[in-house]
Structures are given as C-alpha cells and as structure tokens.
Protein backbone atom coordinates (compact mmCIF):
# COMPACT_ATOMS: atom_id res chain seq x y z
CA UNK A 1 -12.18 -18.87 -10.18
CA UNK A 2 -15.32 -17.12 -11.21
CA UNK A 3 -17.08 -14.63 -8.93
CA UNK A 4 -19.10 -11.43 -9.06
CA UNK A 5 -17.89 -8.14 -7.59
CA UNK A 6 -19.20 -4.58 -7.72
CA UNK A 7 -16.60 -2.07 -8.88
CA UNK A 8 -16.86 1.67 -9.13
CA UNK A 9 -17.56 2.72 -12.70
CA UNK A 10 -14.30 4.65 -13.05
CA UNK A 11 -12.22 1.66 -11.86
CA UNK A 12 -14.00 -0.72 -14.21
CA UNK A 13 -13.48 1.67 -17.13
CA UNK A 14 -9.74 1.98 -16.44
CA UNK A 15 -9.33 -1.77 -15.93
CA UNK A 16 -11.14 -2.55 -19.19
CA UNK A 17 -8.99 -0.02 -21.04
CA UNK A 18 -5.79 -1.57 -19.62
CA UNK A 19 -7.00 -5.05 -20.53
CA UNK A 20 -7.67 -3.98 -24.10
CA UNK A 21 -4.36 -2.12 -24.43
CA UNK A 22 -2.36 -5.06 -23.07
CA UNK A 23 -4.34 -7.78 -24.82
CA UNK A 24 -5.17 -9.41 -21.49
CA UNK A 25 -8.41 -10.39 -19.80
CA UNK A 26 -10.10 -8.13 -17.28
CA UNK A 27 -9.60 -10.83 -14.65
CA UNK A 28 -5.83 -10.96 -15.34
CA UNK A 29 -5.53 -7.17 -15.01
CA UNK A 30 -7.44 -7.10 -11.71
CA UNK A 31 -5.56 -10.12 -10.32
CA UNK A 32 -2.19 -8.54 -11.16
CA UNK A 33 -3.15 -5.26 -9.50
CA UNK A 34 -4.44 -7.00 -6.37
CA UNK A 35 -1.23 -9.05 -6.11
CA UNK A 36 0.88 -5.92 -6.43
CA UNK A 37 -1.21 -4.08 -3.81
CA UNK A 38 -0.97 -6.97 -1.34
CA UNK A 39 2.80 -7.39 -1.69
CA UNK A 40 4.73 -5.77 1.18
CA UNK A 41 6.82 -2.78 0.21
CA UNK A 42 10.43 -3.66 -0.45
CA UNK A 43 12.85 -1.90 1.90
CA UNK A 44 14.47 -0.17 -1.09
CA UNK A 45 11.12 1.50 -1.83
CA UNK A 46 10.89 3.03 1.63
CA UNK A 47 12.05 6.57 2.21
CA UNK A 48 15.25 6.88 4.22
CA UNK A 49 16.64 9.37 6.68
CA UNK A 50 20.33 9.13 7.62
CA UNK A 51 20.45 5.68 6.04
CA UNK A 52 17.58 4.36 8.16
CA UNK A 53 14.40 3.26 6.35
CA UNK A 54 11.31 5.18 7.42
CA UNK A 55 8.33 2.91 7.96
CA UNK A 56 4.93 4.13 6.76
CA UNK A 57 2.66 5.47 9.48
CA UNK A 58 -0.28 3.24 10.28
CA UNK A 59 -3.72 4.82 10.31
CA UNK A 60 -4.59 5.95 13.82
CA UNK A 61 -1.08 5.42 15.18
CA UNK A 62 0.31 8.29 17.26
CA UNK A 63 2.99 10.45 15.72
CA UNK A 64 6.36 9.61 17.31
CA UNK A 65 8.07 12.84 18.31
CA UNK A 66 11.21 13.48 20.36
CA UNK A 67 8.95 14.59 23.23
CA UNK A 68 7.02 11.31 23.12
CA UNK A 69 10.27 9.31 23.13
CA UNK A 70 11.55 11.34 26.11
CA UNK A 71 8.25 10.80 27.94
CA UNK A 72 8.37 7.05 27.33
CA UNK A 73 12.01 6.79 28.41
CA UNK A 74 11.25 8.66 31.62
CA UNK A 75 8.22 6.45 32.34
CA UNK A 76 10.44 3.38 31.93
CA UNK A 77 12.81 4.45 34.71
C-alpha cells in the first residue's frame, strides 16, 4: 500500500540507514518496526518478582501500594 507520512528527520535518517545496511526498502524497515512495536510483550520479557510477572504501569494509572490495597480491602467489607 502506498501512502504519505511525515516523519521526524532523525527517524527518517535512521530508517534509511537501516534500509541501506540491510538491503531492504524503507517501507519494509518501517513496517517491521511497527509490527514489532504493536506486538504485545511476551510474558518472558516482563520483569518478575518472586516468580510473578510484573505488568507495565499504564500512563495515568495510580501506583498500587500496600496502603492502597489495605484501603480497598477495608472498603469492600
């Protein structure tokens, strides 16, 4: 598919360099990077604590602390 996008100069420069180094088209390089960015993180890539995977914090989400958990448990009673 053919389309026009505006990229920051530094991103375009890096993408063109990668395309040249790999002998691939600019479109192939950008498509591959978008696919990789859109793929969900594999559980093995997530940090772990005590064998439990730690999920990444969503922007704007409150920080879950022991005090918050206690407060929520008490409100549920």
